[in-house]
């Protein structure tokens, strides 16, 4: 087709408007792009502001009420009495137990996750890296309750773990551990140790992935340079790898620590009758009907995680998420 033939066709420089409501809205959004952005962000902002933040504010307000000891009704007068109840021996024991468990789970997850993440970042390539991601993510695809009940059977007195200790001639070691006053019990499925094992298993993937992402950012020549300068593997780890991977470890700890603080299903299925914060909230707002105390218990992990996130941000953990 020649240039003269192309010029002979009359093609308008500006297409005609579509007309109607669609055309009016199209012209309006073209002239006011910020209005379009505002309308697109409005639904999630309403959800976040009203449903999420609004419910947290309502929960916070409930914690400043108290329960009438005679009638059992909520006294809607501002008071700090409910927060004072948190410092009673029984309630303070629940808080300390939960924070201790969250800290131990986070520490154990970091120790287990580091070598796995290091191998994936330094040596896994191609299909092996895909297999690594599949192995880490696969437990997250199965049912949460199914995993917990499966572990209850594994840790039971007649479970496969007890059978394995018996076959290895180490049943005396397991019985000795279970006889300890705090961590033991009749079996692993009804002990503090069993709760700890299941917590680590369930939240471990949330530690591995941020650590692996942080280690992939470490240049390989830094490790080689450390070795060339005569540093031992331990010195290389303490002076090169660990400081550079620390933001990833802190990022993973945000998940493991916060998820352990708020979980109430695992301690309810596996472990002793000693309560955690999540179970205390459930029992106070359910069977006890003490909603102010339940709200005060809920504020505790919010405050703890607020300080934790502040410290994590200062350590650059959000860059590793």
C-alpha atoms as a PDB file:
ATOM      1  CA  UNK A   1       0.000   0.000   0.000  1.00  0.00           C
ATOM      2  CA  UNK A   2       1.469   3.385  -1.031  1.00  0.00           C
ATOM      3  CA  UNK A   3       1.776   6.508   1.083  1.00  0.00           C
ATOM      4  CA  UNK A   4      -0.759   8.251  -1.131  1.00  0.00           C
ATOM      5  CA  UNK A   5      -3.274   5.491  -0.462  1.00  0.00           C
ATOM      6  CA  UNK A   6      -2.722   5.790   3.279  1.00  0.00           C
ATOM      7  CA  UNK A   7      -3.193   9.537   3.165  1.00  0.00           C
ATOM      8  CA  UNK A   8      -6.387   9.108   1.154  1.00  0.00           C
ATOM      9  CA  UNK A   9      -8.050   7.366   4.100  1.00  0.00           C
ATOM     10  CA  UNK A  10      -9.576   9.783   6.562  1.00  0.00           C
ATOM     11  CA  UNK A  11      -8.573   8.632  10.031  1.00  0.00           C
ATOM     12  CA  UNK A  12      -9.673  11.047  12.761  1.00  0.00           C
ATOM     13  CA  UNK A  13      -6.896  12.274  15.067  1.00  0.00           C
ATOM     14  CA  UNK A  14      -9.143  11.920  18.135  1.00  0.00           C
ATOM     15  CA  UNK A  15     -11.629   9.081  18.449  1.00  0.00           C
ATOM     16  CA  UNK A  16     -15.202  10.052  19.284  1.00  0.00           C
ATOM     17  CA  UNK A  17     -16.348   9.657  22.868  1.00  0.00           C
ATOM     18  CA  UNK A  18     -18.190   6.523  23.901  1.00  0.00           C
ATOM     19  CA  UNK A  19     -21.080   8.538  25.297  1.00  0.00           C
ATOM     20  CA  UNK A  20     -23.340   7.743  28.208  1.00  0.00           C
ATOM     21  CA  UNK A  21     -22.307   7.159  31.811  1.00  0.00           C
ATOM     22  CA  UNK A  22     -19.271   5.135  30.782  1.00  0.00           C
ATOM     23  CA  UNK A  23     -17.945   7.979  28.689  1.00  0.00           C
ATOM     24  CA  UNK A  24     -18.539  10.544  31.428  1.00  0.00           C
ATOM     25  CA  UNK A  25     -16.704   8.397  34.005  1.00  0.00           C
ATOM     26  CA  UNK A  26     -13.865   7.698  31.585  1.00  0.00           C
ATOM     27  CA  UNK A  27     -13.364  11.399  30.922  1.00  0.00           C
ATOM     28  CA  UNK A  28     -13.611  12.207  34.622  1.00  0.00           C
ATOM     29  CA  UNK A  29     -11.015   9.614  35.642  1.00  0.00           C
ATOM     30  CA  UNK A  30      -8.719  10.721  32.809  1.00  0.00           C
ATOM     31  CA  UNK A  31      -8.848  14.317  34.017  1.00  0.00           C
ATOM     32  CA  UNK A  32      -8.704  13.349  37.726  1.00  0.00           C
ATOM     33  CA  UNK A  33      -6.351  10.339  38.095  1.00  0.00           C
ATOM     34  CA  UNK A  34      -6.156  10.868  41.859  1.00  0.00           C
ATOM     35  CA  UNK A  35      -9.898  10.342  42.111  1.00  0.00           C
ATOM     36  CA  UNK A  36      -9.541   6.958  40.398  1.00  0.00           C
ATOM     37  CA  UNK A  37      -6.719   6.009  42.777  1.00  0.00           C
ATOM     38  CA  UNK A  38      -8.836   7.077  45.760  1.00  0.00           C
ATOM     39  CA  UNK A  39     -11.826   4.987  44.636  1.00  0.00           C
ATOM     40  CA  UNK A  40      -9.594   1.946  44.073  1.00  0.00           C
ATOM     41  CA  UNK A  41      -8.066   2.241  47.541  1.00  0.00           C
ATOM     42  CA  UNK A  42     -11.330   3.049  49.313  1.00  0.00           C
ATOM     43  CA  UNK A  43     -12.622  -0.555  49.840  1.00  0.00           C
ATOM     44  CA  UNK A  44      -9.382  -1.940  51.378  1.00  0.00           C
ATOM     45  CA  UNK A  45      -8.929   1.242  53.433  1.00  0.00           C
ATOM     46  CA  UNK A  46     -12.481   0.929  54.772  1.00  0.00           C
ATOM     47  CA  UNK A  47     -11.859  -2.712  55.617  1.00  0.00           C
ATOM     48  CA  UNK A  48      -8.576  -1.886  57.353  1.00  0.00           C
ATOM     49  CA  UNK A  49      -9.883   1.199  59.118  1.00  0.00           C
ATOM     50  CA  UNK A  50     -13.329   0.017  60.232  1.00  0.00           C
ATOM     51  CA  UNK A  51     -13.171  -3.755  60.520  1.00  0.00           C
ATOM     52  CA  UNK A  52      -9.563  -4.235  61.627  1.00  0.00           C
ATOM     53  CA  UNK A  53      -8.440  -1.066  63.394  1.00  0.00           C
ATOM     54  CA  UNK A  54     -11.972  -0.337  64.600  1.00  0.00           C
ATOM     55  CA  UNK A  55     -12.235  -3.745  66.232  1.00  0.00           C
ATOM     56  CA  UNK A  56      -8.843  -3.249  67.903  1.00  0.00           C
ATOM     57  CA  UNK A  57      -9.967   0.103  69.293  1.00  0.00           C
ATOM     58  CA  UNK A  58     -13.194  -1.454  70.569  1.00  0.00           C
ATOM     59  CA  UNK A  59     -11.136  -4.210  72.168  1.00  0.00           C
ATOM     60  CA  UNK A  60      -8.847  -1.666  73.793  1.00  0.00           C
ATOM     61  CA  UNK A  61     -11.818   0.216  75.209  1.00  0.00           C
ATOM     62  CA  UNK A  62     -13.251  -2.995  76.656  1.00  0.00           C
ATOM     63  CA  UNK A  63     -10.018  -3.559  78.563  1.00  0.00           C
ATOM     64  CA  UNK A  64     -10.617  -0.345  80.547  1.00  0.00           C
ATOM     65  CA  UNK A  65     -13.918  -1.686  81.901  1.00  0.00           C
ATOM     66  CA  UNK A  66     -14.304  -4.129  84.769  1.00  0.00           C
ATOM     67  CA  UNK A  67     -16.555  -6.996  85.750  1.00  0.00           C
ATOM     68  CA  UNK A  68     -18.888  -6.712  88.725  1.00  0.00           C
ATOM     69  CA  UNK A  69     -17.990  -9.525  91.092  1.00  0.00           C
ATOM     70  CA  UNK A  70     -21.541  -9.883  92.450  1.00  0.00           C
ATOM     71  CA  UNK A  71     -23.741  -9.588  89.365  1.00  0.00           C
ATOM     72  CA  UNK A  72     -21.208 -10.704  86.747  1.00  0.00           C
ATOM     73  CA  UNK A  73     -22.154  -7.736  84.550  1.00  0.00           C
ATOM     74  CA  UNK A  74     -19.680  -5.414  82.868  1.00  0.00           C
ATOM     75  CA  UNK A  75     -19.174  -2.123  84.669  1.00  0.00           C
ATOM     76  CA  UNK A  76     -18.650   0.418  81.865  1.00  0.00           C
ATOM     77  CA  UNK A  77     -16.711   2.935  83.910  1.00  0.00           C
ATOM     78  CA  UNK A  78     -13.109   3.799  83.133  1.00  0.00           C
ATOM     79  CA  UNK A  79     -10.757   1.890  85.438  1.00  0.00           C
ATOM     80  CA  UNK A  80      -7.323   0.278  85.446  1.00  0.00           C
ATOM     81  CA  UNK A  81      -8.475  -2.499  87.767  1.00  0.00           C
ATOM     82  CA  UNK A  82      -8.563  -5.076  84.961  1.00  0.00           C
ATOM     83  CA  UNK A  83      -4.956  -4.363  84.044  1.00  0.00           C
ATOM     84  CA  UNK A  84      -4.096  -4.717  87.710  1.00  0.00           C
ATOM     85  CA  UNK A  85      -5.650  -8.193  87.615  1.00  0.00           C
ATOM     86  CA  UNK A  86      -3.040  -9.179  85.024  1.00  0.00           C
ATOM     87  CA  UNK A  87      -0.384  -8.918  87.725  1.00  0.00           C
ATOM     88  CA  UNK A  88      -2.067 -11.518  89.896  1.00  0.00           C
ATOM     89  CA  UNK A  89       0.085 -14.606  90.305  1.00  0.00           C
ATOM     90  CA  UNK A  90      -2.032 -16.878  88.108  1.00  0.00           C
ATOM     91  CA  UNK A  91      -2.385 -14.384  85.246  1.00  0.00           C
ATOM     92  CA  UNK A  92       1.246 -13.284  85.402  1.00  0.00           C
ATOM     93  CA  UNK A  93       2.259 -16.930  85.227  1.00  0.00           C
ATOM     94  CA  UNK A  94       0.261 -17.308  81.999  1.00  0.00           C
ATOM     95  CA  UNK A  95       1.992 -14.293  80.437  1.00  0.00           C
ATOM     96  CA  UNK A  96       5.488 -15.406  81.451  1.00  0.00           C
ATOM     97  CA  UNK A  97       4.831 -18.965  80.237  1.00  0.00           C
ATOM     98  CA  UNK A  98       3.649 -17.741  76.846  1.00  0.00           C
ATOM     99  CA  UNK A  99       6.523 -15.280  76.345  1.00  0.00           C
ATOM    100  CA  UNK A 100       9.052 -17.921  77.417  1.00  0.00           C
ATOM    101  CA  UNK A 101       7.615 -20.435  74.976  1.00  0.00           C
ATOM    102  CA  UNK A 102       7.614 -17.859  72.152  1.00  0.00           C
ATOM    103  CA  UNK A 103      11.251 -16.977  72.844  1.00  0.00           C
ATOM    104  CA  UNK A 104      12.348 -20.636  72.971  1.00  0.00           C
ATOM    105  CA  UNK A 105      10.477 -21.488  69.774  1.00  0.00           C
ATOM    106  CA  UNK A 106      12.038 -18.506  68.011  1.00  0.00           C
ATOM    107  CA  UNK A 107      15.550 -19.434  69.164  1.00  0.00           C
ATOM    108  CA  UNK A 108      15.174 -23.108  68.192  1.00  0.00           C
ATOM    109  CA  UNK A 109      13.669 -22.188  64.808  1.00  0.00           C
ATOM    110  CA  UNK A 110      16.615 -19.884  64.066  1.00  0.00           C
ATOM    111  CA  UNK A 111      19.158 -22.593  64.975  1.00  0.00           C
ATOM    112  CA  UNK A 112      17.424 -25.210  62.820  1.00  0.00           C
ATOM    113  CA  UNK A 113      16.642 -22.853  59.932  1.00  0.00           C
ATOM    114  CA  UNK A 114      20.120 -21.369  59.457  1.00  0.00           C
ATOM    115  CA  UNK A 115      21.947 -24.432  58.017  1.00  0.00           C
ATOM    116  CA  UNK A 116      18.952 -25.284  55.829  1.00  0.00           C
ATOM    117  CA  UNK A 117      18.728 -21.734  54.507  1.00  0.00           C
ATOM    118  CA  UNK A 118      22.514 -21.535  54.051  1.00  0.00           C
ATOM    119  CA  UNK A 119      22.577 -24.676  51.921  1.00  0.00           C
ATOM    120  CA  UNK A 120      19.680 -23.413  49.800  1.00  0.00           C
ATOM    121  CA  UNK A 121      21.283 -20.005  49.292  1.00  0.00           C
ATOM    122  CA  UNK A 122      24.832 -21.184  48.567  1.00  0.00           C
ATOM    123  CA  UNK A 123      24.574 -24.582  46.927  1.00  0.00           C
ATOM    124  CA  UNK A 124      21.046 -25.336  45.700  1.00  0.00           C
ATOM    125  CA  UNK A 125      20.589 -24.560  42.002  1.00  0.00           C
ATOM    126  CA  UNK A 126      17.931 -25.267  39.398  1.00  0.00           C
ATOM    127  CA  UNK A 127      15.668 -28.162  40.260  1.00  0.00           C
ATOM    128  CA  UNK A 128      17.316 -28.589  43.656  1.00  0.00           C
ATOM    129  CA  UNK A 129      16.296 -25.062  44.621  1.00  0.00           C
ATOM    130  CA  UNK A 130      12.765 -25.773  43.385  1.00  0.00           C
ATOM    131  CA  UNK A 131      12.782 -28.927  45.493  1.00  0.00           C
ATOM    132  CA  UNK A 132      13.929 -26.863  48.480  1.00  0.00           C
ATOM    133  CA  UNK A 133      11.036 -24.422  48.124  1.00  0.00           C
ATOM    134  CA  UNK A 134       8.626 -27.310  47.664  1.00  0.00           C
ATOM    135  CA  UNK A 135       9.905 -29.031  50.797  1.00  0.00           C
ATOM    136  CA  UNK A 136       9.621 -25.846  52.870  1.00  0.00           C
ATOM    137  CA  UNK A 137       6.199 -24.826  51.580  1.00  0.00           C
ATOM    138  CA  UNK A 138       4.583 -28.273  51.430  1.00  0.00           C
ATOM    139  CA  UNK A 139       3.772 -28.454  55.177  1.00  0.00           C
ATOM    140  CA  UNK A 140       1.965 -25.118  54.870  1.00  0.00           C
ATOM    141  CA  UNK A 141      -0.397 -26.554  52.260  1.00  0.00           C
ATOM    142  CA  UNK A 142      -1.792 -29.232  54.570  1.00  0.00           C
ATOM    143  CA  UNK A 143      -4.499 -28.696  57.150  1.00  0.00           C
ATOM    144  CA  UNK A 144      -3.376 -27.008  60.351  1.00  0.00           C
ATOM    145  CA  UNK A 145      -5.524 -29.243  62.566  1.00  0.00           C
ATOM    146  CA  UNK A 146      -4.504 -32.404  60.730  1.00  0.00           C
ATOM    147  CA  UNK A 147      -0.835 -31.648  61.376  1.00  0.00           C
ATOM    148  CA  UNK A 148      -1.442 -31.019  65.073  1.00  0.00           C
ATOM    149  CA  UNK A 149      -3.489 -34.182  65.600  1.00  0.00           C
ATOM    150  CA  UNK A 150      -0.885 -36.154  63.647  1.00  0.00           C
ATOM    151  CA  UNK A 151       1.776 -34.888  66.032  1.00  0.00           C
ATOM    152  CA  UNK A 152      -0.441 -35.810  68.984  1.00  0.00           C
ATOM    153  CA  UNK A 153      -0.385 -39.412  67.743  1.00  0.00           C
ATOM    154  CA  UNK A 154       3.363 -39.283  67.110  1.00  0.00           C
ATOM    155  CA  UNK A 155       4.113 -37.922  70.594  1.00  0.00           C
ATOM    156  CA  UNK A 156       1.630 -40.143  72.443  1.00  0.00           C
ATOM    157  CA  UNK A 157       2.848 -42.797  74.886  1.00  0.00           C
ATOM    158  CA  UNK A 158       1.967 -45.495  72.337  1.00  0.00           C
ATOM    159  CA  UNK A 159       3.236 -43.370  69.418  1.00  0.00           C
ATOM    160  CA  UNK A 160       6.046 -43.978  66.962  1.00  0.00           C
ATOM    161  CA  UNK A 161       8.500 -41.731  68.817  1.00  0.00           C
ATOM    162  CA  UNK A 162       8.253 -43.773  72.022  1.00  0.00           C
ATOM    163  CA  UNK A 163       8.563 -46.949  69.932  1.00  0.00           C
ATOM    164  CA  UNK A 164      11.718 -45.545  68.282  1.00  0.00           C
ATOM    165  CA  UNK A 165      13.298 -44.675  71.635  1.00  0.00           C
ATOM    166  CA  UNK A 166      12.538 -48.217  72.789  1.00  0.00           C
ATOM    167  CA  UNK A 167      14.138 -49.778  69.704  1.00  0.00           C
ATOM    168  CA  UNK A 168      17.264 -47.666  70.213  1.00  0.00           C
ATOM    169  CA  UNK A 169      17.444 -48.610  73.893  1.00  0.00           C
ATOM    170  CA  UNK A 170      16.963 -44.971  74.931  1.00  0.00           C
ATOM    171  CA  UNK A 171      13.606 -45.308  76.635  1.00  0.00           C
ATOM    172  CA  UNK A 172      15.300 -44.548  79.963  1.00  0.00           C
ATOM    173  CA  UNK A 173      16.383 -41.181  78.556  1.00  0.00           C
ATOM    174  CA  UNK A 174      12.837 -40.314  77.491  1.00  0.00           C
ATOM    175  CA  UNK A 175      11.393 -41.407  80.845  1.00  0.00           C
ATOM    176  CA  UNK A 176      14.017 -39.378  82.666  1.00  0.00           C
ATOM    177  CA  UNK A 177      13.182 -36.286  80.645  1.00  0.00           C
ATOM    178  CA  UNK A 178       9.444 -36.714  81.181  1.00  0.00           C
ATOM    179  CA  UNK A 179      10.001 -37.019  84.931  1.00  0.00           C
ATOM    180  CA  UNK A 180      11.370 -33.452  85.104  1.00  0.00           C
ATOM    181  CA  UNK A 181       8.930 -31.103  86.893  1.00  0.00           C
ATOM    182  CA  UNK A 182       8.334 -28.353  84.286  1.00  0.00           C
ATOM    183  CA  UNK A 183       9.083 -29.823  80.866  1.00  0.00           C
ATOM    184  CA  UNK A 184       7.837 -33.359  81.555  1.00  0.00           C
ATOM    185  CA  UNK A 185       4.532 -35.166  81.859  1.00  0.00           C
ATOM    186  CA  UNK A 186       2.899 -38.557  81.393  1.00  0.00           C
ATOM    187  CA  UNK A 187       3.964 -38.501  77.730  1.00  0.00           C
ATOM    188  CA  UNK A 188       5.343 -36.031  75.197  1.00  0.00           C
ATOM    189  CA  UNK A 189       1.824 -35.308  73.950  1.00  0.00           C
ATOM    190  CA  UNK A 190       0.836 -33.907  77.351  1.00  0.00           C
ATOM    191  CA  UNK A 191       4.030 -32.041  78.199  1.00  0.00           C
ATOM    192  CA  UNK A 192       5.608 -28.644  77.758  1.00  0.00           C
ATOM    193  CA  UNK A 193       8.232 -30.332  75.559  1.00  0.00           C
ATOM    194  CA  UNK A 194       5.594 -31.667  73.180  1.00  0.00           C
ATOM    195  CA  UNK A 195       4.036 -28.228  72.831  1.00  0.00           C
ATOM    196  CA  UNK A 196       7.476 -26.803  72.069  1.00  0.00           C
ATOM    197  CA  UNK A 197       8.205 -29.449  69.399  1.00  0.00           C
ATOM    198  CA  UNK A 198       4.929 -28.851  67.573  1.00  0.00           C
ATOM    199  CA  UNK A 199       5.321 -25.066  67.708  1.00  0.00           C
ATOM    200  CA  UNK A 200       8.776 -25.336  66.126  1.00  0.00           C
ATOM    201  CA  UNK A 201       7.522 -27.702  63.435  1.00  0.00           C
ATOM    202  CA  UNK A 202       4.532 -25.544  62.476  1.00  0.00           C
ATOM    203  CA  UNK A 203       6.331 -22.165  62.385  1.00  0.00           C
ATOM    204  CA  UNK A 204       9.751 -23.283  61.069  1.00  0.00           C
ATOM    205  CA  UNK A 205       9.006 -22.418  57.386  1.00  0.00           C
ATOM    206  CA  UNK A 206       8.343 -18.818  58.418  1.00  0.00           C
ATOM    207  CA  UNK A 207      11.933 -18.649  59.710  1.00  0.00           C
ATOM    208  CA  UNK A 208      13.650 -20.496  56.865  1.00  0.00           C
ATOM    209  CA  UNK A 209      12.450 -18.304  54.002  1.00  0.00           C
ATOM    210  CA  UNK A 210      13.533 -14.867  55.380  1.00  0.00           C
ATOM    211  CA  UNK A 211      16.919 -16.273  56.446  1.00  0.00           C
ATOM    212  CA  UNK A 212      17.427 -17.820  53.022  1.00  0.00           C
ATOM    213  CA  UNK A 213      16.543 -14.518  51.353  1.00  0.00           C
ATOM    214  CA  UNK A 214      19.039 -12.663  53.575  1.00  0.00           C
ATOM    215  CA  UNK A 215      21.825 -15.182  52.903  1.00  0.00           C
ATOM    216  CA  UNK A 216      21.303 -14.925  49.152  1.00  0.00           C
ATOM    217  CA  UNK A 217      22.179 -11.231  49.421  1.00  0.00           C
ATOM    218  CA  UNK A 218      25.558 -12.059  50.986  1.00  0.00           C
ATOM    219  CA  UNK A 219      28.233 -11.877  48.221  1.00  0.00           C
ATOM    220  CA  UNK A 220      30.116 -15.154  47.913  1.00  0.00           C
ATOM    221  CA  UNK A 221      33.435 -13.342  47.580  1.00  0.00           C
ATOM    222  CA  UNK A 222      33.112 -12.100  51.175  1.00  0.00           C
ATOM    223  CA  UNK A 223      33.161 -15.671  52.465  1.00  0.00           C
ATOM    224  CA  UNK A 224      36.053 -16.543  50.163  1.00  0.00           C
ATOM    225  CA  UNK A 225      37.967 -13.429  51.225  1.00  0.00           C
ATOM    226  CA  UNK A 226      37.506 -14.334  54.874  1.00  0.00           C
ATOM    227  CA  UNK A 227      38.916 -17.795  54.220  1.00  0.00           C
ATOM    228  CA  UNK A 228      41.829 -16.387  52.185  1.00  0.00           C
ATOM    229  CA  UNK A 229      42.738 -14.072  55.059  1.00  0.00           C
ATOM    230  CA  UNK A 230      43.105 -17.062  57.352  1.00  0.00           C
ATOM    231  CA  UNK A 231      39.787 -16.984  59.206  1.00  0.00           C
ATOM    232  CA  UNK A 232      38.450 -20.284  60.485  1.00  0.00           C
ATOM    233  CA  UNK A 233      34.900 -21.384  59.565  1.00  0.00           C
ATOM    234  CA  UNK A 234      33.739 -20.316  63.032  1.00  0.00           C
ATOM    235  CA  UNK A 235      35.303 -16.869  62.660  1.00  0.00           C
ATOM    236  CA  UNK A 236      33.763 -16.488  59.200  1.00  0.00           C
ATOM    237  CA  UNK A 237      30.366 -17.355  60.635  1.00  0.00           C
ATOM    238  CA  UNK A 238      30.598 -14.937  63.583  1.00  0.00           C
ATOM    239  CA  UNK A 239      32.189 -12.023  61.709  1.00  0.00           C
ATOM    240  CA  UNK A 240      30.726 -12.289  58.205  1.00  0.00           C
ATOM    241  CA  UNK A 241      27.729 -14.584  57.783  1.00  0.00           C
ATOM    242  CA  UNK A 242      25.849 -14.037  61.029  1.00  0.00           C
ATOM    243  CA  UNK A 243      25.929 -10.194  61.029  1.00  0.00           C
ATOM    244  CA  UNK A 244      24.773 -10.071  57.404  1.00  0.00           C
ATOM    245  CA  UNK A 245      22.077 -12.717  57.954  1.00  0.00           C
ATOM    246  CA  UNK A 246      20.851 -11.170  61.223  1.00  0.00           C
ATOM    247  CA  UNK A 247      18.153  -8.992  59.563  1.00  0.00           C
ATOM    248  CA  UNK A 248      16.702 -12.143  57.993  1.00  0.00           C
ATOM    249  CA  UNK A 249      16.763 -13.962  61.337  1.00  0.00           C
ATOM    250  CA  UNK A 250      15.001 -11.051  63.038  1.00  0.00           C
ATOM    251  CA  UNK A 251      12.469 -10.919  60.180  1.00  0.00           C
ATOM    252  CA  UNK A 252      11.715 -14.622  60.618  1.00  0.00           C
ATOM    253  CA  UNK A 253      11.494 -14.183  64.376  1.00  0.00           C
ATOM    254  CA  UNK A 254       8.677 -11.671  63.868  1.00  0.00           C
ATOM    255  CA  UNK A 255       6.538 -14.494  62.502  1.00  0.00           C
ATOM    256  CA  UNK A 256       7.596 -17.262  64.880  1.00  0.00           C
ATOM    257  CA  UNK A 257       7.401 -15.070  67.981  1.00  0.00           C
ATOM    258  CA  UNK A 258       4.080 -13.395  67.183  1.00  0.00           C
ATOM    259  CA  UNK A 259       2.375 -16.585  65.965  1.00  0.00           C
ATOM    260  CA  UNK A 260       3.424 -18.450  69.105  1.00  0.00           C
ATOM    261  CA  UNK A 261       2.222 -15.599  71.318  1.00  0.00           C
ATOM    262  CA  UNK A 262      -1.291 -15.687  69.893  1.00  0.00           C
ATOM    263  CA  UNK A 263      -1.820 -19.388  69.184  1.00  0.00           C
ATOM    264  CA  UNK A 264      -4.284 -21.221  71.419  1.00  0.00           C
ATOM    265  CA  UNK A 265      -5.026 -24.362  69.391  1.00  0.00           C
ATOM    266  CA  UNK A 266      -1.669 -26.120  69.760  1.00  0.00           C
ATOM    267  CA  UNK A 267      -1.500 -25.720  73.579  1.00  0.00           C
ATOM    268  CA  UNK A 268      -5.120 -26.856  73.819  1.00  0.00           C
ATOM    269  CA  UNK A 269      -4.489 -30.096  71.906  1.00  0.00           C
ATOM    270  CA  UNK A 270      -0.888 -30.843  72.879  1.00  0.00           C
ATOM    271  CA  UNK A 271       0.446 -30.007  76.306  1.00  0.00           C
ATOM    272  CA  UNK A 272      -0.598 -29.765  79.910  1.00  0.00           C
ATOM    273  CA  UNK A 273      -3.544 -27.973  81.469  1.00  0.00           C
ATOM    274  CA  UNK A 274      -1.433 -24.862  82.097  1.00  0.00           C
ATOM    275  CA  UNK A 275      -2.865 -22.017  80.025  1.00  0.00           C
ATOM    276  CA  UNK A 276      -1.270 -19.771  77.442  1.00  0.00           C
ATOM    277  CA  UNK A 277      -2.449 -16.248  76.575  1.00  0.00           C
ATOM    278  CA  UNK A 278      -4.611 -17.420  73.681  1.00  0.00           C
ATOM    279  CA  UNK A 279      -6.330 -20.009  75.849  1.00  0.00           C
ATOM    280  CA  UNK A 280      -6.836 -17.448  78.627  1.00  0.00           C
ATOM    281  CA  UNK A 281      -8.533 -15.064  76.178  1.00  0.00           C
ATOM    282  CA  UNK A 282     -10.746 -17.867  74.896  1.00  0.00           C
ATOM    283  CA  UNK A 283     -11.773 -19.027  78.369  1.00  0.00           C
ATOM    284  CA  UNK A 284     -12.318 -15.535  79.806  1.00  0.00           C
ATOM    285  CA  UNK A 285     -14.562 -14.324  76.989  1.00  0.00           C
ATOM    286  CA  UNK A 286     -16.299 -17.699  76.687  1.00  0.00           C
ATOM    287  CA  UNK A 287     -16.947 -19.758  79.793  1.00  0.00           C
ATOM    288  CA  UNK A 288     -16.001 -17.086  82.357  1.00  0.00           C
ATOM    289  CA  UNK A 289     -17.727 -14.218  80.527  1.00  0.00           C
ATOM    290  CA  UNK A 290     -15.077 -11.752  81.699  1.00  0.00           C
ATOM    291  CA  UNK A 291     -14.679  -9.790  78.464  1.00  0.00           C
ATOM    292  CA  UNK A 292     -12.645  -6.925  80.037  1.00  0.00           C
ATOM    293  CA  UNK A 293     -10.014  -9.364  81.331  1.00  0.00           C
ATOM    294  CA  UNK A 294      -9.979 -11.165  77.979  1.00  0.00           C
ATOM    295  CA  UNK A 295      -9.417  -7.801  76.254  1.00  0.00           C
ATOM    296  CA  UNK A 296      -6.619  -6.945  78.688  1.00  0.00           C
ATOM    297  CA  UNK A 297      -4.956 -10.302  77.975  1.00  0.00           C
ATOM    298  CA  UNK A 298      -5.205  -9.530  74.241  1.00  0.00           C
ATOM    299  CA  UNK A 299      -3.481  -6.175  74.689  1.00  0.00           C
ATOM    300  CA  UNK A 300      -0.420  -7.902  76.190  1.00  0.00           C
ATOM    301  CA  UNK A 301       0.853  -9.516  72.926  1.00  0.00           C
ATOM    302  CA  UNK A 302      -0.036  -6.334  71.012  1.00  0.00           C
ATOM    303  CA  UNK A 303       2.203  -4.277  73.304  1.00  0.00           C
ATOM    304  CA  UNK A 304       4.969  -6.893  73.246  1.00  0.00           C
ATOM    305  CA  UNK A 305       4.912  -7.102  69.440  1.00  0.00           C
ATOM    306  CA  UNK A 306       4.859  -3.302  69.200  1.00  0.00           C
ATOM    307  CA  UNK A 307       8.204  -3.085  71.003  1.00  0.00           C
ATOM    308  CA  UNK A 308       9.460  -6.135  69.108  1.00  0.00           C
ATOM    309  CA  UNK A 309       8.646  -4.621  65.711  1.00  0.00           C
ATOM    310  CA  UNK A 310      10.242  -1.328  66.757  1.00  0.00           C
ATOM    311  CA  UNK A 311      13.461  -3.141  67.612  1.00  0.00           C
ATOM    312  CA  UNK A 312      13.272  -5.262  64.445  1.00  0.00           C
ATOM    313  CA  UNK A 313      12.902  -2.153  62.274  1.00  0.00           C
ATOM    314  CA  UNK A 314      15.999  -0.631  63.835  1.00  0.00           C
ATOM    315  CA  UNK A 315      17.924  -3.809  62.938  1.00  0.00           C
ATOM    316  CA  UNK A 316      16.804  -3.653  59.290  1.00  0.00           C
ATOM    317  CA  UNK A 317      14.591  -6.734  59.498  1.00  0.00           C
ATOM    318  CA  UNK A 318      11.946  -5.337  57.161  1.00  0.00           C
ATOM    319  CA  UNK A 319      14.498  -5.224  54.328  1.00  0.00           C
ATOM    320  CA  UNK A 320      14.692  -9.029  54.512  1.00  0.00           C
ATOM    321  CA  UNK A 321      10.943  -9.661  54.297  1.00  0.00           C
END
